[in-house]
N, C-alpha and C. Protein backbone atom coordinates (compact mmCIF):
# COMPACT_ATOMS: atom_id res chain seq x y z
N MET A 1 90.09 116.13 106.36
CA MET A 1 90.51 117.32 105.23
C MET A 1 91.85 117.30 105.16
N CYS A 2 92.27 117.80 104.04
CA CYS A 2 93.83 118.13 103.76
C CYS A 2 94.67 116.91 104.05
N TYR A 3 94.54 115.85 103.30
CA TYR A 3 95.38 114.79 103.49
C TYR A 3 96.21 114.70 102.28
N THR A 4 96.34 115.72 101.27
CA THR A 4 97.21 115.56 100.28
C THR A 4 97.86 117.22 100.08
N VAL A 5 99.11 117.20 99.79
CA VAL A 5 99.86 118.50 99.75
C VAL A 5 100.85 118.36 98.62
N SER A 6 101.19 119.37 98.05
CA SER A 6 102.33 119.27 97.30
C SER A 6 103.51 120.21 97.83
N ALA A 7 104.62 119.64 97.61
CA ALA A 7 105.97 120.37 98.33
C ALA A 7 106.97 120.02 97.71
N TYR A 8 108.07 120.93 97.65
CA TYR A 8 109.33 120.76 97.05
C TYR A 8 110.42 121.56 97.92
N TYR A 9 111.52 120.83 98.27
CA TYR A 9 112.52 121.42 99.07
C TYR A 9 113.86 121.39 98.52
N THR A 10 114.76 122.31 98.89
CA THR A 10 116.04 122.19 98.26
C THR A 10 116.95 121.72 99.29
N GLN A 11 118.18 121.23 98.85
CA GLN A 11 119.18 120.83 99.78
C GLN A 11 119.47 121.84 100.78
N ALA A 12 119.55 123.09 100.47
CA ALA A 12 119.98 124.27 101.22
C ALA A 12 118.93 124.47 102.53
N GLU A 13 117.77 124.11 102.23
CA GLU A 13 116.60 124.32 103.32
C GLU A 13 116.63 123.33 104.28
N SER A 14 117.35 122.18 103.97
CA SER A 14 117.20 121.14 104.81
C SER A 14 118.06 121.25 106.20
N ALA A 15 117.43 120.54 107.48
CA ALA A 15 118.28 120.67 108.59
C ALA A 15 119.14 119.40 108.42
N HIS A 16 119.14 118.44 107.59
CA HIS A 16 119.99 117.47 107.37
C HIS A 16 120.73 117.33 106.23
N PRO A 17 121.70 118.19 105.82
CA PRO A 17 122.39 118.28 104.62
C PRO A 17 123.08 116.88 104.31
N LYS A 18 123.47 116.06 105.20
CA LYS A 18 123.96 114.83 104.65
C LYS A 18 123.12 113.92 104.06
N GLU A 19 121.78 114.21 104.20
CA GLU A 19 120.84 113.21 103.60
C GLU A 19 120.54 113.71 102.25
N ALA A 20 120.05 112.53 101.39
CA ALA A 20 119.53 113.02 99.98
C ALA A 20 118.15 113.47 100.21
N MET A 21 118.04 114.89 100.17
CA MET A 21 116.74 115.39 100.55
C MET A 21 115.89 115.20 99.28
N SER A 22 116.67 115.27 98.00
CA SER A 22 115.80 115.16 96.80
C SER A 22 115.08 113.93 96.86
N ASN A 23 115.56 112.89 97.30
CA ASN A 23 114.89 111.53 97.55
C ASN A 23 113.74 111.57 98.33
N LEU A 24 113.81 112.53 99.43
CA LEU A 24 112.83 112.52 100.48
C LEU A 24 111.51 113.32 99.92
N PHE A 25 111.95 114.62 99.30
CA PHE A 25 111.02 115.68 98.85
C PHE A 25 110.60 115.66 97.42
N SER A 26 111.13 115.09 96.37
CA SER A 26 111.18 115.53 95.10
C SER A 26 109.86 114.95 94.49
N GLN A 27 109.02 113.98 95.38
CA GLN A 27 108.03 113.56 94.77
C GLN A 27 106.84 114.51 94.36
N GLY A 28 106.81 115.84 94.94
CA GLY A 28 105.95 116.72 94.80
C GLY A 28 104.66 116.58 95.61
N ARG A 29 103.60 115.87 95.02
CA ARG A 29 102.36 115.50 95.62
C ARG A 29 102.67 114.41 96.67
N VAL A 30 102.24 114.63 97.93
CA VAL A 30 102.15 113.77 99.09
C VAL A 30 101.02 113.71 99.57
N SER A 31 100.56 112.40 99.81
CA SER A 31 99.18 112.14 100.53
C SER A 31 99.23 111.22 101.72
N ALA A 32 98.76 111.74 102.79
CA ALA A 32 98.68 110.87 103.95
C ALA A 32 97.94 109.50 104.02
N MET A 33 96.96 109.60 102.76
CA MET A 33 96.31 108.47 102.81
C MET A 33 96.40 107.50 101.79
N ARG A 34 97.42 107.85 100.91
CA ARG A 34 97.93 106.94 99.69
C ARG A 34 99.39 106.59 100.03
N ASP A 35 100.19 107.44 100.52
CA ASP A 35 101.60 107.02 100.58
C ASP A 35 101.74 106.37 101.95
N GLU A 36 102.49 105.19 101.90
CA GLU A 36 102.69 104.39 102.98
C GLU A 36 103.48 105.08 104.23
N ARG A 37 104.43 105.78 103.86
CA ARG A 37 105.22 106.66 104.76
C ARG A 37 105.46 107.99 104.13
N PRO A 38 104.33 108.92 104.21
CA PRO A 38 104.55 110.26 103.61
C PRO A 38 105.67 111.04 104.37
N ILE A 39 106.57 111.72 103.96
CA ILE A 39 107.38 112.59 104.63
C ILE A 39 107.35 113.95 104.25
N LEU A 40 107.23 114.94 105.14
CA LEU A 40 107.37 116.34 104.75
C LEU A 40 108.30 117.14 105.53
N GLY A 41 108.63 118.48 105.31
CA GLY A 41 109.58 119.21 105.99
C GLY A 41 108.86 120.04 107.03
N VAL A 42 109.38 119.91 108.19
CA VAL A 42 108.67 120.75 109.32
C VAL A 42 109.69 121.57 109.87
N ILE A 43 109.25 122.95 110.08
CA ILE A 43 110.09 123.95 110.76
C ILE A 43 109.67 124.00 112.17
N THR A 44 110.53 123.77 113.07
CA THR A 44 110.46 123.69 114.58
C THR A 44 111.03 124.84 115.45
N ALA A 45 110.81 124.85 116.56
CA ALA A 45 111.31 126.01 117.50
C ALA A 45 112.81 125.87 117.59
N GLU A 46 113.25 124.68 117.40
CA GLU A 46 114.66 124.45 117.39
C GLU A 46 115.51 125.19 116.36
N ASN A 47 115.02 125.81 115.40
CA ASN A 47 115.63 126.60 114.45
C ASN A 47 116.85 125.83 113.86
N LYS A 48 116.54 124.61 113.40
CA LYS A 48 117.57 123.95 112.72
C LYS A 48 117.36 123.81 111.07
N GLY A 49 116.40 124.66 110.52
CA GLY A 49 115.83 124.61 109.29
C GLY A 49 114.81 123.65 109.08
N ILE A 50 114.67 123.03 107.97
CA ILE A 50 113.36 122.22 107.62
C ILE A 50 113.94 120.64 107.90
N GLU A 51 113.00 120.04 108.74
CA GLU A 51 113.46 118.60 109.22
C GLU A 51 112.53 117.73 108.62
N PRO A 52 112.72 116.64 107.97
CA PRO A 52 112.02 115.55 107.51
C PRO A 52 111.34 114.88 108.84
N MET A 53 109.87 114.87 108.63
CA MET A 53 109.01 114.12 109.63
C MET A 53 107.91 113.37 108.86
N LEU A 54 107.59 112.23 109.54
CA LEU A 54 106.65 111.29 109.00
C LEU A 54 105.23 112.13 109.35
N TRP A 55 104.47 112.04 108.31
CA TRP A 55 102.90 112.75 108.57
C TRP A 55 102.13 111.76 109.01
N GLY A 56 101.70 112.05 110.28
CA GLY A 56 100.78 111.06 111.00
C GLY A 56 101.41 110.93 112.42
N LEU A 57 100.81 111.63 113.44
CA LEU A 57 101.51 111.82 114.74
C LEU A 57 101.79 110.23 115.34
N VAL A 58 102.87 110.08 115.72
CA VAL A 58 103.27 108.81 116.57
C VAL A 58 103.56 109.24 117.87
N PRO A 59 102.80 109.45 118.87
CA PRO A 59 103.30 109.94 120.16
C PRO A 59 104.53 109.21 120.89
N ALA A 60 104.98 109.85 121.90
CA ALA A 60 106.22 109.46 122.36
C ALA A 60 106.06 108.02 122.97
N TRP A 61 104.77 107.97 123.66
CA TRP A 61 104.69 106.57 124.14
C TRP A 61 104.34 105.33 123.34
N ASN A 62 104.16 105.57 121.98
CA ASN A 62 103.89 104.37 121.28
C ASN A 62 105.22 103.72 120.98
N LYS A 63 105.07 102.36 121.21
CA LYS A 63 106.44 101.50 120.88
C LYS A 63 106.19 100.73 119.60
N SER A 64 105.31 100.90 118.66
CA SER A 64 105.19 100.54 117.37
C SER A 64 104.43 101.34 116.73
N ILE A 65 104.55 101.31 115.27
CA ILE A 65 103.79 102.07 114.14
C ILE A 65 102.68 101.29 113.73
N ASP A 66 101.32 101.81 114.12
CA ASP A 66 100.17 101.17 113.33
C ASP A 66 99.76 102.04 112.25
N GLU A 67 99.79 101.73 111.24
CA GLU A 67 99.59 102.61 110.07
C GLU A 67 98.15 103.09 109.95
N SER A 68 97.26 102.44 110.46
CA SER A 68 95.93 102.76 110.48
C SER A 68 95.71 103.97 111.50
N TRP A 69 96.32 103.78 112.66
CA TRP A 69 96.39 104.86 113.64
C TRP A 69 97.19 106.08 113.19
N ARG A 70 98.29 105.68 112.36
CA ARG A 70 99.03 106.96 111.95
C ARG A 70 98.26 107.87 110.95
N ARG A 71 97.32 107.20 109.99
CA ARG A 71 96.63 107.99 109.06
C ARG A 71 95.33 108.65 109.88
N LYS A 72 95.01 108.09 110.92
CA LYS A 72 94.05 108.84 111.75
C LYS A 72 94.69 110.19 112.42
N MET A 73 95.96 110.01 112.65
CA MET A 73 96.58 111.18 113.34
C MET A 73 97.18 112.05 112.30
N ALA A 74 96.75 112.10 110.93
CA ALA A 74 97.19 113.01 109.91
C ALA A 74 96.82 114.48 110.23
N ASN A 75 95.71 114.55 110.90
CA ASN A 75 95.23 115.85 111.44
C ASN A 75 94.87 116.01 112.85
N ALA A 76 94.90 117.16 113.43
CA ALA A 76 94.67 117.25 114.95
C ALA A 76 93.83 118.64 114.89
N THR A 77 92.57 118.48 115.24
CA THR A 77 91.74 119.50 115.36
C THR A 77 91.87 120.44 116.54
N VAL A 78 91.88 121.74 116.03
CA VAL A 78 92.24 122.82 117.19
C VAL A 78 91.44 122.50 118.47
N GLU A 79 90.12 122.17 118.35
CA GLU A 79 89.23 122.02 119.54
C GLU A 79 89.75 120.90 120.55
N ARG A 80 90.68 120.03 120.09
CA ARG A 80 91.11 118.97 120.97
C ARG A 80 92.59 118.97 121.26
N LEU A 81 93.29 120.03 120.91
CA LEU A 81 94.73 120.32 121.26
C LEU A 81 95.09 120.16 122.63
N ASN A 82 94.09 120.69 123.43
CA ASN A 82 94.43 120.77 124.86
C ASN A 82 93.62 119.60 125.72
N SER A 83 93.06 118.93 125.13
CA SER A 83 92.33 117.80 125.85
C SER A 83 92.73 116.46 125.31
N SER A 84 93.08 116.17 124.27
CA SER A 84 93.52 114.91 123.88
C SER A 84 94.84 114.42 124.39
N PRO A 85 94.91 113.33 125.18
CA PRO A 85 96.23 112.64 125.50
C PRO A 85 97.25 112.65 124.52
N ALA A 86 96.82 112.39 123.26
CA ALA A 86 97.67 112.37 122.24
C ALA A 86 98.26 113.60 121.64
N PHE A 87 97.55 114.46 121.79
CA PHE A 87 98.03 115.87 121.25
C PHE A 87 98.35 116.90 122.11
N LYS A 88 97.92 116.75 123.44
CA LYS A 88 98.28 117.78 124.29
C LYS A 88 99.85 117.91 124.64
N PRO A 89 100.54 116.91 124.78
CA PRO A 89 101.91 117.09 125.15
C PRO A 89 102.70 117.66 124.01
N SER A 90 102.18 117.37 122.70
CA SER A 90 103.14 117.98 121.48
C SER A 90 102.48 119.61 121.40
N PHE A 91 101.20 119.62 121.70
CA PHE A 91 100.87 121.17 121.53
C PHE A 91 101.57 121.98 122.53
N THR A 92 101.75 121.51 123.70
CA THR A 92 102.24 122.17 124.78
C THR A 92 103.82 122.50 124.54
N TYR A 93 104.39 121.58 123.92
CA TYR A 93 105.85 121.54 124.00
C TYR A 93 106.67 121.45 122.39
N ARG A 94 105.69 121.06 121.57
CA ARG A 94 106.50 120.79 120.16
C ARG A 94 105.44 121.11 119.08
N ARG A 95 105.53 122.46 118.90
CA ARG A 95 104.82 123.08 117.64
C ARG A 95 105.56 123.38 116.59
N GLY A 96 104.98 123.01 115.23
CA GLY A 96 105.90 123.53 114.17
C GLY A 96 105.13 123.99 113.15
N ALA A 97 105.67 124.02 111.71
CA ALA A 97 105.01 124.70 110.69
C ALA A 97 105.62 123.90 109.45
N VAL A 98 104.66 123.36 108.58
CA VAL A 98 104.95 122.67 107.65
C VAL A 98 104.92 123.45 106.22
N LEU A 99 106.08 123.32 105.41
CA LEU A 99 106.30 124.29 104.38
C LEU A 99 105.64 123.47 103.09
N VAL A 100 104.73 124.03 102.34
CA VAL A 100 104.10 123.32 101.23
C VAL A 100 103.86 124.38 100.19
N ARG A 101 103.72 123.89 98.83
CA ARG A 101 103.35 124.79 97.96
C ARG A 101 101.90 125.05 97.91
N SER A 102 101.12 123.86 98.17
CA SER A 102 99.63 124.00 98.12
C SER A 102 99.08 122.77 98.63
N PHE A 103 97.73 122.91 98.78
CA PHE A 103 97.02 121.53 99.51
C PHE A 103 95.69 121.42 98.60
N PHE A 104 95.30 120.19 98.82
CA PHE A 104 94.04 119.57 97.98
C PHE A 104 92.88 119.35 98.78
N GLU A 105 91.73 119.96 98.49
CA GLU A 105 90.44 119.51 98.98
C GLU A 105 89.51 119.38 97.87
N TRP A 106 88.35 118.56 98.37
CA TRP A 106 87.43 118.28 97.35
C TRP A 106 85.96 118.72 97.73
N ARG A 107 85.35 119.50 96.73
CA ARG A 107 83.92 119.76 96.74
C ARG A 107 83.12 118.61 96.33
N HIS A 108 81.97 118.59 97.12
CA HIS A 108 80.98 117.54 96.80
C HIS A 108 79.62 118.03 96.21
N GLU A 109 79.39 117.71 95.03
CA GLU A 109 78.14 118.03 94.24
C GLU A 109 77.32 116.87 93.99
N GLY A 110 76.56 116.41 94.91
CA GLY A 110 75.68 115.22 94.71
C GLY A 110 76.75 114.12 94.93
N ARG A 111 77.02 113.17 93.82
CA ARG A 111 77.86 112.05 93.89
C ARG A 111 79.15 112.45 93.33
N LYS A 112 79.28 113.68 92.85
CA LYS A 112 80.48 114.08 92.19
C LYS A 112 81.49 114.73 93.05
N LYS A 113 82.85 114.31 93.00
CA LYS A 113 83.73 115.11 93.95
C LYS A 113 84.54 115.77 93.03
N ILE A 114 84.93 117.08 93.23
CA ILE A 114 85.71 117.92 92.48
C ILE A 114 86.89 118.49 93.19
N PRO A 115 88.03 117.89 92.83
CA PRO A 115 89.21 118.46 93.45
C PRO A 115 89.71 119.75 93.13
N TYR A 116 90.05 120.50 94.24
CA TYR A 116 90.79 121.79 94.04
C TYR A 116 92.18 121.98 94.56
N GLU A 117 92.95 122.75 94.08
CA GLU A 117 94.30 122.85 94.43
C GLU A 117 94.32 124.32 95.09
N ILE A 118 94.68 124.45 96.45
CA ILE A 118 94.48 125.75 97.06
C ILE A 118 95.81 126.06 97.35
N ARG A 119 96.05 127.44 96.87
CA ARG A 119 97.53 128.21 97.05
C ARG A 119 97.26 129.48 97.76
N ARG A 120 98.25 129.98 98.00
CA ARG A 120 98.47 131.52 98.59
C ARG A 120 98.15 132.49 97.26
N SER A 121 97.26 133.38 97.44
CA SER A 121 96.95 134.38 96.43
C SER A 121 98.24 135.26 95.98
N ASP A 122 99.14 135.39 96.88
CA ASP A 122 100.22 136.18 96.63
C ASP A 122 101.49 135.40 95.93
N GLY A 123 101.18 134.01 95.81
CA GLY A 123 102.20 133.09 95.20
C GLY A 123 103.33 132.49 96.02
N HIS A 124 103.34 132.90 97.23
CA HIS A 124 104.35 132.31 98.41
C HIS A 124 104.05 131.01 98.64
N ASP A 125 105.01 130.32 99.12
CA ASP A 125 104.69 129.00 99.90
C ASP A 125 103.70 129.14 101.12
N LEU A 126 102.96 128.12 101.41
CA LEU A 126 102.29 128.14 102.66
C LEU A 126 102.93 127.54 103.86
N LEU A 127 102.68 128.19 105.08
CA LEU A 127 103.14 127.76 106.34
C LEU A 127 101.88 127.08 107.09
N LEU A 128 101.90 125.75 107.14
CA LEU A 128 100.72 125.15 107.93
C LEU A 128 100.86 124.76 109.29
N GLY A 129 100.21 125.27 110.35
CA GLY A 129 100.44 124.88 111.66
C GLY A 129 100.62 123.39 111.94
N ALA A 130 101.36 122.95 112.85
CA ALA A 130 101.46 121.57 112.97
C ALA A 130 101.96 121.25 114.56
N ILE A 131 101.63 120.16 114.91
CA ILE A 131 102.27 119.69 116.36
C ILE A 131 103.13 118.42 115.92
N TRP A 132 104.13 118.24 116.62
CA TRP A 132 104.91 117.12 116.32
C TRP A 132 105.33 116.30 117.56
N ALA A 133 105.94 115.33 117.45
CA ALA A 133 106.34 114.28 118.55
C ALA A 133 107.68 113.62 118.24
N ASP A 134 108.59 113.46 119.28
CA ASP A 134 109.84 112.95 118.92
C ASP A 134 109.78 111.41 119.92
N ASN A 135 109.69 110.37 119.13
CA ASN A 135 109.40 109.10 119.59
C ASN A 135 110.87 108.35 119.77
N SER A 136 111.44 108.37 120.95
CA SER A 136 112.76 107.57 121.18
C SER A 136 112.76 106.12 120.98
N TRP A 137 111.53 105.44 121.28
CA TRP A 137 111.35 104.03 121.11
C TRP A 137 111.73 103.66 119.70
N LEU A 138 111.17 104.34 118.65
CA LEU A 138 111.27 104.09 117.26
C LEU A 138 112.24 104.99 116.44
N ASP A 139 112.86 106.01 117.40
CA ASP A 139 113.83 106.81 116.68
C ASP A 139 113.16 107.50 115.54
N LEU A 140 112.06 108.21 115.81
CA LEU A 140 111.21 108.73 114.88
C LEU A 140 110.52 109.88 115.28
N ARG A 141 110.57 110.95 114.36
CA ARG A 141 109.81 112.37 114.62
C ARG A 141 108.66 112.22 113.46
N SER A 142 107.54 112.75 114.02
CA SER A 142 106.23 112.68 113.28
C SER A 142 105.29 113.93 113.67
N PHE A 143 104.52 114.31 112.69
CA PHE A 143 103.61 115.44 112.97
C PHE A 143 102.16 115.24 112.44
N SER A 144 101.28 115.98 113.06
CA SER A 144 99.93 116.07 112.54
C SER A 144 99.70 117.60 112.06
N LEU A 145 98.99 117.84 111.23
CA LEU A 145 98.60 119.25 110.75
C LEU A 145 97.46 119.73 111.53
N VAL A 146 97.40 120.79 112.05
CA VAL A 146 96.30 121.39 112.61
C VAL A 146 95.27 121.96 111.88
N THR A 147 93.88 121.59 112.23
CA THR A 147 92.90 122.03 111.35
C THR A 147 92.03 123.04 112.18
N VAL A 148 91.34 124.03 111.58
CA VAL A 148 90.47 125.06 112.12
C VAL A 148 89.25 125.06 111.31
N PRO A 149 88.09 125.69 111.87
CA PRO A 149 86.89 125.94 111.21
C PRO A 149 87.49 126.64 109.65
N ALA A 150 86.56 126.40 108.72
CA ALA A 150 86.89 126.99 107.41
C ALA A 150 86.47 128.56 107.32
N ASN A 151 87.17 129.20 106.61
CA ASN A 151 86.68 130.60 106.15
C ASN A 151 85.84 130.32 104.90
N PRO A 152 85.18 131.58 104.63
CA PRO A 152 84.16 131.37 103.47
C PRO A 152 84.74 130.81 102.06
N THR A 153 86.00 130.93 101.94
CA THR A 153 86.27 130.26 100.49
C THR A 153 86.60 128.81 100.72
N MET A 154 87.11 128.44 101.83
CA MET A 154 87.35 126.97 102.13
C MET A 154 86.02 126.13 102.50
N ALA A 155 85.03 126.82 103.16
CA ALA A 155 83.61 126.56 103.34
C ALA A 155 83.07 126.02 102.01
N PHE A 156 83.11 126.83 100.88
CA PHE A 156 82.54 126.51 99.77
C PHE A 156 83.26 125.24 99.16
N ILE A 157 84.55 125.31 99.06
CA ILE A 157 85.35 124.02 98.37
C ILE A 157 85.13 122.97 99.34
N HIS A 158 85.40 122.86 100.48
CA HIS A 158 85.28 121.78 101.48
C HIS A 158 83.85 121.86 102.23
N ASN A 159 83.07 121.49 101.47
CA ASN A 159 81.50 121.81 101.75
C ASN A 159 80.81 120.80 102.69
N THR A 160 81.54 119.76 102.74
CA THR A 160 81.24 118.54 103.73
C THR A 160 81.35 118.72 105.15
N LYS A 161 82.69 118.92 105.42
CA LYS A 161 83.20 119.15 106.81
C LYS A 161 83.46 120.51 107.26
N GLN A 162 83.70 121.56 106.03
CA GLN A 162 83.94 122.72 106.39
C GLN A 162 85.00 122.93 107.38
N ARG A 163 86.29 122.40 107.06
CA ARG A 163 87.42 122.60 107.79
C ARG A 163 88.55 123.08 106.95
N MET A 164 89.60 123.57 107.52
CA MET A 164 90.80 124.05 106.80
C MET A 164 92.00 123.73 107.42
N PRO A 165 93.20 123.61 107.12
CA PRO A 165 94.53 123.60 107.88
C PRO A 165 94.69 125.11 108.50
N LEU A 166 95.32 125.06 109.60
CA LEU A 166 95.90 126.28 110.17
C LEU A 166 96.91 126.95 109.18
N VAL A 167 96.49 128.26 108.61
CA VAL A 167 97.62 128.83 107.77
C VAL A 167 98.18 129.82 108.65
N LEU A 168 99.68 129.93 108.65
CA LEU A 168 100.36 130.88 109.68
C LEU A 168 100.87 131.94 108.73
N GLU A 169 101.00 133.09 109.03
CA GLU A 169 101.67 134.29 108.36
C GLU A 169 103.09 134.44 109.05
N GLN A 170 104.02 134.83 108.08
CA GLN A 170 105.32 135.28 108.72
C GLN A 170 105.11 136.24 109.78
N GLY A 171 106.24 136.14 110.65
CA GLY A 171 106.16 137.22 111.65
C GLY A 171 105.63 136.96 112.95
N THR A 172 104.65 137.69 113.55
CA THR A 172 104.19 137.54 114.98
C THR A 172 103.49 136.31 114.99
N ALA A 173 102.53 135.86 114.03
CA ALA A 173 101.72 134.72 114.26
C ALA A 173 102.66 133.25 114.09
N LEU A 174 103.57 133.41 113.21
CA LEU A 174 104.69 132.18 113.17
C LEU A 174 105.41 132.02 114.55
N GLN A 175 105.80 133.23 114.91
CA GLN A 175 106.71 133.31 116.18
C GLN A 175 105.93 132.72 117.30
N ASN A 176 104.68 133.34 117.50
CA ASN A 176 103.80 132.94 118.70
C ASN A 176 103.42 131.40 118.49
N TRP A 177 103.26 130.95 117.32
CA TRP A 177 102.90 129.51 117.16
C TRP A 177 104.07 128.64 117.57
N LEU A 178 105.27 129.05 117.10
CA LEU A 178 106.49 128.23 117.53
C LEU A 178 107.02 128.32 119.04
N HIS A 179 106.98 129.68 119.39
CA HIS A 179 107.75 129.92 120.68
C HIS A 179 106.77 130.37 121.76
N GLY A 180 105.77 130.71 121.52
CA GLY A 180 104.79 131.36 122.52
C GLY A 180 104.27 130.25 123.54
N SER A 181 103.41 130.65 124.44
CA SER A 181 102.70 129.83 125.46
C SER A 181 101.63 129.22 124.73
N PRO A 182 101.16 128.06 125.24
CA PRO A 182 99.87 127.45 124.50
C PRO A 182 98.89 128.49 124.52
N GLU A 183 98.57 129.28 125.49
CA GLU A 183 97.63 130.38 125.26
C GLU A 183 98.00 131.38 124.06
N GLN A 184 99.00 131.90 123.96
CA GLN A 184 99.45 132.54 122.83
C GLN A 184 99.44 131.89 121.42
N ALA A 185 99.77 130.55 121.41
CA ALA A 185 99.50 129.73 120.26
C ALA A 185 97.99 129.66 119.89
N LEU A 186 97.14 129.39 120.83
CA LEU A 186 95.79 129.34 120.36
C LEU A 186 95.17 130.36 119.77
N MET A 187 95.78 131.64 120.18
CA MET A 187 95.20 132.96 119.66
C MET A 187 95.57 133.24 118.15
N GLN A 188 96.52 132.20 117.63
CA GLN A 188 96.93 132.12 116.07
C GLN A 188 96.04 131.04 115.38
N ALA A 189 95.50 130.29 116.33
CA ALA A 189 94.63 129.06 115.74
C ALA A 189 93.57 129.32 115.15
N VAL A 190 93.42 130.24 114.08
CA VAL A 190 91.91 130.77 113.56
C VAL A 190 91.99 130.66 112.22
N PRO A 191 90.91 130.67 111.49
CA PRO A 191 90.76 130.47 109.74
C PRO A 191 91.59 131.58 109.29
N ALA A 192 92.01 131.33 108.31
CA ALA A 192 92.91 132.32 107.49
C ALA A 192 91.87 133.49 106.97
N ASN A 193 92.40 134.72 106.94
CA ASN A 193 91.64 135.85 106.41
C ASN A 193 91.14 135.61 105.03
N GLU A 194 90.09 135.97 104.81
CA GLU A 194 89.53 135.75 103.34
C GLU A 194 90.36 136.63 102.16
N GLY A 195 90.80 136.01 101.31
CA GLY A 195 91.60 136.75 100.21
C GLY A 195 93.06 136.10 100.17
N ILE A 196 93.64 135.46 101.33
CA ILE A 196 94.73 135.03 101.41
C ILE A 196 94.98 133.64 100.50
N LEU A 197 93.95 132.98 100.37
CA LEU A 197 93.98 131.84 99.78
C LEU A 197 93.08 131.79 98.46
N ILE A 198 93.50 130.87 97.37
CA ILE A 198 92.75 131.05 96.22
C ILE A 198 92.65 129.43 95.81
N GLY A 199 91.44 129.01 95.29
CA GLY A 199 91.34 127.49 95.01
C GLY A 199 90.83 127.51 93.65
N ASN A 200 91.74 126.67 92.85
CA ASN A 200 91.51 126.44 91.33
C ASN A 200 90.87 124.95 91.20
N ILE A 201 90.21 124.64 90.52
CA ILE A 201 89.83 123.10 90.12
C ILE A 201 91.02 122.56 89.49
N ASP A 202 91.29 121.38 90.12
CA ASP A 202 92.44 120.62 89.71
C ASP A 202 92.09 119.57 88.49
N ALA A 203 91.70 120.11 87.44
CA ALA A 203 90.99 119.27 86.22
C ALA A 203 92.04 118.14 85.98
N GLY A 204 93.37 118.44 85.82
CA GLY A 204 94.34 117.51 85.25
C GLY A 204 94.44 116.27 85.90
N ASN A 205 94.16 116.35 87.33
CA ASN A 205 94.24 115.13 88.04
C ASN A 205 92.80 114.59 88.70
N GLN A 206 91.70 115.18 88.22
CA GLN A 206 90.50 114.83 88.89
C GLN A 206 90.16 113.45 88.77
N ALA A 207 90.37 112.65 87.66
CA ALA A 207 90.04 111.17 87.59
C ALA A 207 90.86 110.55 88.61
N SER A 208 92.32 110.85 88.62
CA SER A 208 93.16 109.97 89.52
C SER A 208 93.01 110.12 90.98
N LEU A 209 92.54 111.37 91.24
CA LEU A 209 92.54 111.60 92.80
C LEU A 209 90.98 111.50 93.37
N GLU A 210 90.05 111.46 92.53
CA GLU A 210 88.65 111.28 93.14
C GLU A 210 88.46 110.33 94.00
N PHE A 211 89.20 109.16 94.02
CA PHE A 211 88.66 108.12 94.90
C PHE A 211 89.32 108.28 96.35
N GLU A 212 90.06 109.37 96.56
CA GLU A 212 90.73 109.70 97.87
C GLU A 212 89.67 109.83 99.10
N PHE A 213 88.51 110.54 98.73
CA PHE A 213 87.55 110.99 99.76
C PHE A 213 86.19 110.21 99.34
């Protein structure tokens, strides 16, 4: 779930002002399944602004990038954060939040797959919980989005797996996720309250995106 998002960033938001951030982030729609090296902006506990990272966790012990492995690591289920050897070090020491405008999920009705674009109901950008890794072998930072069980809205839309990304609220939830202990962070890793998200059928892109799932 949630392998496609839309995101736009400005130069001022970046942690790397010398880089051409518009080249990194102006594509709008970013897919971990379609784009060979999808890059998104991640907020970390280091408080250096938004840092570009590769979507698909490459742990510190990996000495090469296997694209099929990386795509499998696009998401990290909350149930495995404390048990998976690939996820646990990042969950313990390197949690982050990915800033996006929206994300996309598909509802299955028989053989038909209907794409929905999901946004915040208040119009603000979304902060999606993530874990990240710093790989010195490859000079690379990368991340996985954290997924949790779906709330009722998302269970209707993502009706096959009934999962959703971890949506963090500004304030205590975000701070505990970024800076708190693993126990404090897990307390934030719950489905978003009903009413925070709205989903609309993405009719304009239905044909071009249907093949992704």
